[in-house]
Each structure stands twice: as structure tokens, then as C-alpha cells.
N, C-alpha and C. Protein backbone atom coordinates (compact mmCIF):
# COMPACT_ATOMS: atom_id res chain seq x y z
N UNK A 1 17.02 54.10 36.02
CA UNK A 1 17.24 55.20 36.59
C UNK A 1 17.69 56.29 35.34
N UNK A 2 16.84 57.53 35.70
CA UNK A 2 16.98 58.61 34.77
C UNK A 2 18.34 59.71 35.24
N UNK A 3 18.72 60.21 34.20
CA UNK A 3 19.83 61.37 34.57
C UNK A 3 19.22 62.46 35.33
N UNK A 4 20.30 63.26 35.98
CA UNK A 4 19.48 64.49 36.47
C UNK A 4 19.11 65.44 35.32
N UNK A 5 20.05 65.30 33.86
CA UNK A 5 19.18 66.09 33.03
C UNK A 5 17.71 65.75 32.36
N UNK A 6 17.38 64.54 32.36
CA UNK A 6 16.31 63.86 31.84
C UNK A 6 15.16 64.36 33.16
N UNK A 7 15.58 64.36 34.39
CA UNK A 7 14.78 64.50 35.36
C UNK A 7 14.17 66.10 35.78
N UNK A 8 15.43 66.83 35.17
CA UNK A 8 15.25 68.55 35.16
C UNK A 8 13.91 68.73 33.82
N UNK A 9 14.32 67.92 32.70
CA UNK A 9 13.46 67.94 31.76
C UNK A 9 11.80 67.43 32.14
N UNK A 10 11.85 66.30 32.83
CA UNK A 10 10.49 65.93 33.07
C UNK A 10 9.91 66.88 34.31
N UNK A 11 10.99 67.59 34.90
CA UNK A 11 10.35 68.25 36.36
C UNK A 11 9.35 69.61 35.89
N UNK A 12 10.33 70.09 34.57
CA UNK A 12 9.43 71.18 33.79
C UNK A 12 8.47 70.91 33.47
N UNK A 13 8.22 69.53 32.45
CA UNK A 13 7.07 69.44 32.22
C UNK A 13 5.94 69.24 33.14
N UNK A 14 6.19 68.09 34.25
CA UNK A 14 5.45 68.24 34.83
C UNK A 14 4.77 69.38 36.08
N UNK A 15 5.35 70.73 35.85
CA UNK A 15 4.82 71.90 36.30
C UNK A 15 4.18 72.54 35.49
N UNK A 16 3.99 72.15 34.04
CA UNK A 16 3.09 72.86 33.12
C UNK A 16 2.10 71.64 32.81
N UNK A 17 2.20 70.68 33.43
CA UNK A 17 1.16 69.31 33.08
C UNK A 17 1.24 68.78 31.87
N UNK A 18 2.49 68.79 31.93
CA UNK A 18 2.74 67.74 30.34
C UNK A 18 3.42 66.95 30.34
N UNK A 19 3.69 66.64 31.60
CA UNK A 19 4.43 65.12 31.47
C UNK A 19 3.68 63.49 31.84
N UNK A 20 3.91 62.67 31.56
CA UNK A 20 3.01 61.70 31.44
C UNK A 20 3.18 60.94 32.74
N UNK A 21 2.33 60.31 32.87
CA UNK A 21 2.43 59.37 34.41
C UNK A 21 3.49 58.59 34.84
N UNK A 22 3.93 57.75 33.18
CA UNK A 22 5.51 57.16 33.54
C UNK A 22 6.55 58.18 33.81
N UNK A 23 6.56 59.50 33.08
CA UNK A 23 7.46 60.36 33.50
C UNK A 23 7.48 60.77 34.94
N UNK A 24 6.33 61.34 35.67
CA UNK A 24 6.25 61.40 36.89
C UNK A 24 6.45 60.46 37.65
N UNK A 25 6.45 59.36 37.87
CA UNK A 25 6.92 58.09 38.42
C UNK A 25 8.52 58.18 38.35
N UNK A 26 9.07 58.18 37.07
CA UNK A 26 10.19 58.02 37.27
C UNK A 26 11.09 59.29 37.92
N UNK A 27 10.42 60.19 37.57
CA UNK A 27 10.94 61.39 38.09
C UNK A 27 10.75 61.35 40.24
N UNK A 28 9.69 60.71 40.58
CA UNK A 28 9.44 60.68 41.73
C UNK A 28 10.80 60.23 42.33
N UNK A 29 10.95 58.59 41.80
CA UNK A 29 12.20 58.28 42.05
C UNK A 29 13.67 58.49 42.12
N UNK A 30 13.68 59.34 40.99
CA UNK A 30 14.67 59.79 40.98
C UNK A 30 14.99 61.19 42.09
N UNK A 31 14.03 61.58 42.41
CA UNK A 31 13.87 62.80 43.74
C UNK A 31 14.08 61.97 44.75
N UNK A 32 13.89 61.06 45.17
CA UNK A 32 14.36 60.18 46.33
C UNK A 32 15.75 59.98 46.71
N UNK A 33 16.39 59.80 45.40
CA UNK A 33 17.69 59.54 45.52
C UNK A 33 18.67 60.71 45.55
N UNK A 34 18.19 61.60 44.51
CA UNK A 34 19.15 62.58 44.38
C UNK A 34 18.82 64.15 44.74
N UNK A 35 19.44 64.58 46.12
CA UNK A 35 19.21 65.74 46.48
C UNK A 35 19.25 67.14 45.67
N UNK A 36 20.01 67.00 44.69
CA UNK A 36 20.17 68.17 43.97
C UNK A 36 18.83 68.21 42.92
N UNK A 37 18.32 67.17 42.50
CA UNK A 37 17.25 67.31 41.94
C UNK A 37 15.87 67.65 42.49
N UNK A 38 15.97 66.67 44.07
CA UNK A 38 14.78 67.21 44.72
C UNK A 38 14.91 68.86 44.90
N UNK A 39 16.06 69.58 45.50
CA UNK A 39 15.78 70.88 45.78
C UNK A 39 15.64 71.99 44.24
N UNK A 40 16.33 71.22 43.47
CA UNK A 40 15.32 71.78 41.88
C UNK A 40 13.96 71.45 41.64
N UNK A 41 13.33 70.60 42.23
CA UNK A 41 11.82 70.20 41.86
C UNK A 41 11.09 71.26 42.95
N UNK A 42 11.41 71.45 43.85
CA UNK A 42 11.10 72.27 45.10
C UNK A 42 11.02 73.76 44.20
N UNK A 43 12.58 74.43 44.07
CA UNK A 43 12.32 75.38 44.01
C UNK A 43 11.81 75.84 42.30
N UNK A 44 11.67 74.87 41.73
CA UNK A 44 10.93 75.19 40.23
C UNK A 44 9.26 74.98 40.54
N UNK A 45 8.73 74.44 41.64
CA UNK A 45 7.41 74.43 41.65
C UNK A 45 6.83 75.69 42.58
N UNK A 46 7.68 75.92 43.60
CA UNK A 46 7.80 77.61 44.05
C UNK A 46 7.84 78.56 42.84
N UNK A 47 8.65 78.83 42.27
CA UNK A 47 8.26 79.71 40.98
C UNK A 47 7.00 79.50 40.24
N UNK A 48 6.65 78.48 39.76
CA UNK A 48 5.75 78.21 39.12
C UNK A 48 4.26 78.98 40.42
N UNK A 49 4.17 78.58 41.12
CA UNK A 49 3.23 79.02 42.12
C UNK A 49 3.81 80.72 42.48
N UNK A 50 4.60 80.98 42.36
CA UNK A 50 4.65 82.58 42.29
C UNK A 50 3.74 83.10 40.97
N UNK A 51 4.30 82.82 40.08
CA UNK A 51 4.25 83.09 38.67
C UNK A 51 2.55 83.13 38.58
N UNK A 52 1.72 81.95 39.09
CA UNK A 52 0.32 81.57 39.13
C UNK A 52 -0.38 82.98 39.95
N UNK A 53 0.21 83.13 41.31
CA UNK A 53 -0.37 84.27 42.01
C UNK A 53 -0.22 85.62 41.32
N UNK A 54 0.90 85.82 40.43
CA UNK A 54 1.17 87.48 40.24
C UNK A 54 -0.12 87.37 38.93
N UNK A 55 -0.26 86.33 38.38
CA UNK A 55 -1.39 86.22 37.26
C UNK A 55 -0.83 86.85 36.12
N UNK A 56 0.37 86.39 35.83
CA UNK A 56 0.97 86.77 34.49
C UNK A 56 0.65 86.59 33.22
N UNK A 57 0.43 87.42 32.23
CA UNK A 57 -0.34 87.15 31.06
C UNK A 57 0.98 87.55 29.90
N UNK A 58 0.81 86.64 28.82
CA UNK A 58 1.72 86.72 27.51
C UNK A 58 1.21 87.53 27.09
N UNK A 59 2.09 88.14 25.90
CA UNK A 59 1.45 89.23 24.87
C UNK A 59 1.12 88.06 23.73
N UNK A 60 0.11 88.35 22.93
CA UNK A 60 -0.07 87.73 21.94
C UNK A 60 0.87 87.81 20.75
N UNK A 61 0.48 86.82 19.63
CA UNK A 61 2.02 87.02 18.82
C UNK A 61 1.40 88.46 18.19
N UNK A 62 0.35 89.12 17.76
CA UNK A 62 -0.10 90.38 17.21
C UNK A 62 0.59 91.26 17.99
N UNK A 63 0.51 91.15 19.61
CA UNK A 63 1.00 92.19 20.34
C UNK A 63 2.34 92.66 20.00
N UNK A 64 3.10 91.18 20.19
CA UNK A 64 4.78 91.23 19.90
C UNK A 64 4.55 91.95 19.05
N UNK A 65 4.24 91.76 17.56
CA UNK A 65 4.58 92.06 16.25
C UNK A 65 4.78 93.97 16.09
N UNK A 66 3.20 94.13 16.82
CA UNK A 66 2.85 95.91 16.94
C UNK A 66 4.29 96.40 17.71
N UNK A 67 4.69 95.67 18.64
CA UNK A 67 5.76 96.27 19.69
C UNK A 67 7.05 96.35 18.90
N UNK A 68 7.22 95.29 18.02
CA UNK A 68 8.43 95.21 17.32
C UNK A 68 8.26 96.74 15.98
N UNK A 69 7.52 96.54 15.77
CA UNK A 69 7.05 97.69 14.76
C UNK A 69 7.25 99.13 15.27
N UNK A 70 6.84 98.91 16.29
CA UNK A 70 6.83 100.34 17.17
C UNK A 70 8.39 100.85 17.40
N UNK A 71 9.18 99.81 18.06
CA UNK A 71 10.45 99.80 18.18
C UNK A 71 11.41 100.11 17.20
N UNK A 72 11.13 99.54 15.93
CA UNK A 72 11.68 99.61 14.79
C UNK A 72 11.38 100.70 14.27
N UNK A 73 10.13 101.56 14.43
CA UNK A 73 9.82 102.88 14.06
C UNK A 73 10.26 103.67 15.13
N UNK A 74 10.73 103.79 16.42
CA UNK A 74 11.37 104.76 16.78
C UNK A 74 12.61 104.77 16.86
N UNK A 75 13.37 104.22 16.06
CA UNK A 75 14.88 103.85 16.14
C UNK A 75 14.91 104.64 14.66
């Protein structure tokens, strides 16, 4: 049996398709037993779905650096 902390980490990894098959199986068994982790898993899936639907984009490192420099220069 895995801890709730470990289950939360695996849940996050699973949302980004980084969890192994064995981790996913352990998570499924834990979710069957633990109501709190079950709720966390469902909410995590909803959040991921909303982010996918919103088509959020991350800035590249060069874009981030340009923003930092722009902010430093404006101060």
C-alpha cells in the first residue's frame, strides 16, 4: 500500500503521462480505498482537462528572459 503523498505524486505524473504502468496500478488500488485521494484525483483530472481546453501556452526561456529584462529596465 502506498501513502497518500506518494499517491498524489503518482496522480500528478499520470496526468502528464509520466507515470509507469506499475505506478498507475498502485494508484488505482489506493484510490479504491482512500476517499481523499479519490477526490484529489478527480479534481486533478478536471483541472488538466480545463487547461487542455483553454489551450494554454508556456513562454519559452528566451521570451521569459526578454520579459525579465523589460521589467528590470522599466524600474
